[in-house]
Protein backbone atom coordinates (compact mmCIF):
# COMPACT_ATOMS: atom_id res chain seq x y z
CA MET A 1 103.27 -121.22 -59.65
CA LYS A 2 105.48 -119.95 -56.80
CA ASP A 3 103.38 -121.66 -54.14
CA PHE A 4 103.60 -124.93 -56.03
CA ASN A 5 107.39 -124.70 -56.16
CA ASP A 6 107.53 -123.84 -52.45
CA ASP A 7 105.34 -126.83 -51.60
CA LEU A 8 107.43 -129.13 -53.79
CA ILE A 9 110.67 -128.02 -52.13
CA TRP A 10 109.17 -128.41 -48.66
CA LYS A 11 107.93 -131.93 -49.46
CA THR A 12 111.41 -132.83 -50.68
CA ILE A 13 113.46 -131.46 -47.78
CA GLY A 14 111.02 -130.74 -45.01
CA GLU A 15 108.47 -133.17 -43.72
CA ASN A 16 110.32 -136.41 -43.02
CA GLU A 17 112.96 -136.20 -45.68
CA PHE A 18 116.59 -135.15 -45.65
CA CYS A 19 117.69 -131.59 -45.01
CA ALA A 20 121.31 -130.74 -44.15
CA PHE A 21 120.19 -128.10 -41.63
CA LYS A 22 117.62 -130.25 -39.79
CA TRP A 23 118.44 -131.28 -36.24
CA LYS A 24 116.00 -133.86 -34.90
CA THR A 25 115.14 -134.33 -31.23
CA LEU A 26 112.45 -136.42 -29.58
CA VAL A 27 110.13 -133.45 -29.12
CA GLN A 28 110.87 -130.93 -31.89
CA ASN A 29 112.82 -130.57 -35.13
CA PHE A 30 115.20 -127.61 -35.20
CA CYS A 31 116.93 -125.82 -38.07
CA LYS A 32 120.60 -124.84 -37.93
CA ASN A 33 120.41 -122.51 -40.95
CA GLU A 34 121.58 -119.03 -39.89
CA LEU A 35 118.88 -117.42 -42.02
CA ASN A 36 116.04 -119.27 -40.26
CA VAL A 37 113.99 -116.68 -38.42
CA THR A 38 112.65 -118.96 -35.66
CA GLY A 39 115.14 -121.80 -35.30
CA PHE A 40 112.39 -124.39 -35.78
CA CYS A 41 112.13 -126.67 -38.78
CA SER A 42 108.71 -125.81 -40.21
CA LYS A 43 107.30 -124.94 -43.62
CA GLN A 44 106.59 -121.35 -42.65
CA SER A 45 110.04 -120.61 -41.22
CA CYS A 46 112.21 -122.48 -43.74
CA PRO A 47 114.41 -120.10 -45.77
CA LEU A 48 115.03 -122.76 -48.41
CA SER A 49 111.41 -123.61 -49.22
CA ASN A 50 109.93 -120.08 -49.23
CA SER A 51 110.28 -117.85 -52.28
CA LYS A 52 109.43 -114.78 -50.15
CA TYR A 53 111.38 -114.66 -46.91
CA ALA A 54 112.91 -112.11 -44.53
CA THR A 55 115.33 -112.35 -41.61
CA VAL A 56 117.90 -110.36 -39.62
CA VAL A 57 121.58 -111.30 -39.45
CA GLU A 58 124.36 -109.78 -37.34
CA LYS A 59 127.80 -109.48 -38.95
CA ASP A 60 130.64 -107.73 -37.13
CA GLY A 61 128.25 -105.77 -34.92
CA ILE A 62 126.14 -104.57 -37.86
CA PHE A 63 122.55 -105.75 -38.30
CA LEU A 64 121.43 -106.62 -41.81
CA LEU A 65 117.87 -107.19 -42.99
CA TYR A 66 117.85 -109.96 -45.59
CA GLN A 67 114.86 -110.12 -47.93
CA LYS A 68 114.51 -112.99 -50.38
CA ASP A 69 113.01 -111.84 -53.65
CA SER A 70 111.16 -114.37 -55.80
CA ARG A 71 112.07 -112.51 -59.00
CA PHE A 72 115.74 -113.46 -58.65
CA LEU A 73 115.48 -117.12 -57.62
CA ASN A 74 117.47 -118.14 -60.70
CA PHE A 75 120.34 -115.81 -59.73
CA PRO A 76 121.72 -116.87 -56.31
CA GLU A 77 123.99 -113.84 -55.93
CA MET A 78 121.01 -111.49 -56.37
CA MET A 79 118.42 -113.60 -54.51
CA TRP A 80 118.86 -111.86 -51.12
CA LYS A 81 118.41 -108.09 -50.86
CA LYS A 82 120.57 -106.85 -47.95
CA THR A 83 119.69 -103.68 -46.06
CA ILE A 84 121.87 -102.26 -43.28
CA LEU A 85 119.76 -101.46 -40.22
CA SER A 86 120.39 -98.51 -37.93
CA ARG A 87 122.44 -99.01 -34.76
CA ASN A 88 119.60 -97.34 -32.86
CA PHE A 89 117.16 -100.10 -31.86
CA ILE A 90 114.00 -97.98 -32.26
CA LYS A 91 115.07 -96.75 -35.71
CA ALA A 92 115.91 -100.32 -36.75
CA ILE A 93 112.41 -101.46 -35.72
CA GLN A 94 110.94 -98.61 -37.78
CA GLN A 95 113.07 -99.62 -40.77
CA ILE A 96 111.75 -103.17 -40.48
CA ASP A 97 108.19 -101.83 -40.37
CA LEU A 98 108.80 -99.82 -43.54
CA ARG A 99 110.62 -102.55 -45.46
CA LEU A 100 108.15 -105.29 -44.52
CA ALA A 101 104.97 -103.19 -44.65
CA PHE A 102 103.10 -105.52 -47.02
CA TRP A 103 104.58 -108.79 -45.77
CA PRO A 104 102.74 -111.39 -43.67
CA LYS A 105 102.51 -110.52 -39.97
CA PHE A 106 104.46 -113.69 -39.12
CA PHE A 107 107.63 -112.33 -40.74
CA ILE A 108 107.26 -108.85 -39.27
CA TYR A 109 106.83 -110.23 -35.76
CA ARG A 110 109.60 -112.83 -36.02
CA VAL A 111 112.12 -110.47 -37.62
CA LYS A 112 111.55 -107.93 -34.84
CA GLN A 113 111.88 -110.72 -32.28
CA LYS A 114 115.16 -111.89 -33.80
CA LEU A 115 116.49 -108.32 -33.90
CA THR A 116 115.65 -107.96 -30.19
CA LYS A 117 117.42 -111.22 -29.37
CA LEU A 118 120.52 -110.31 -31.39
CA THR A 119 120.64 -106.81 -29.85
CA GLN A 120 120.50 -108.23 -26.33
CA SER A 121 123.21 -110.75 -27.16
CA LEU A 122 125.45 -108.02 -28.61
CA ILE A 123 124.97 -105.87 -25.48
CA ARG A 124 125.84 -108.84 -23.24
CA ASN A 125 129.00 -109.52 -25.25
CA ARG A 126 130.10 -105.87 -25.01
CA ILE A 127 129.52 -105.83 -21.24
CA PHE A 128 131.50 -109.05 -20.90
CA GLN A 129 134.38 -107.59 -22.93
CA ILE A 130 134.45 -104.43 -20.81
CA ARG A 131 134.45 -106.45 -17.59
CA SER A 132 137.19 -108.79 -18.79
CA GLU A 133 139.38 -105.83 -19.86
CA ALA A 134 138.91 -104.15 -16.46
CA ILE A 135 140.23 -107.17 -14.58
């Protein structure tokens, strides 16, 4: 039943229909939703049309692993399980491996990739702040 609902939602918002987060270009469709794990508008990476979904979000220098649980789809405030990841990059990768042990490889790989990207961006911002304060 869950797959049917996911397919129905994707057919409604995804393929060629309206989605508030979709950003169309000549070559590729992108997704502006902050929870999207890839940034592309596709059925596999859409946080709205998947009842089981995982992503990493950075808030105030803290990384959070968001896991969408299909049991709580009727309760929006409980739909996303939030886990604080370690500040140590290696430990955070291990936490992702443990939390997503039985998830599809796509999510494990993409969540780790997004964590890497966010970590590098945070480091660049800190270096920029230090350099601007020194001047």
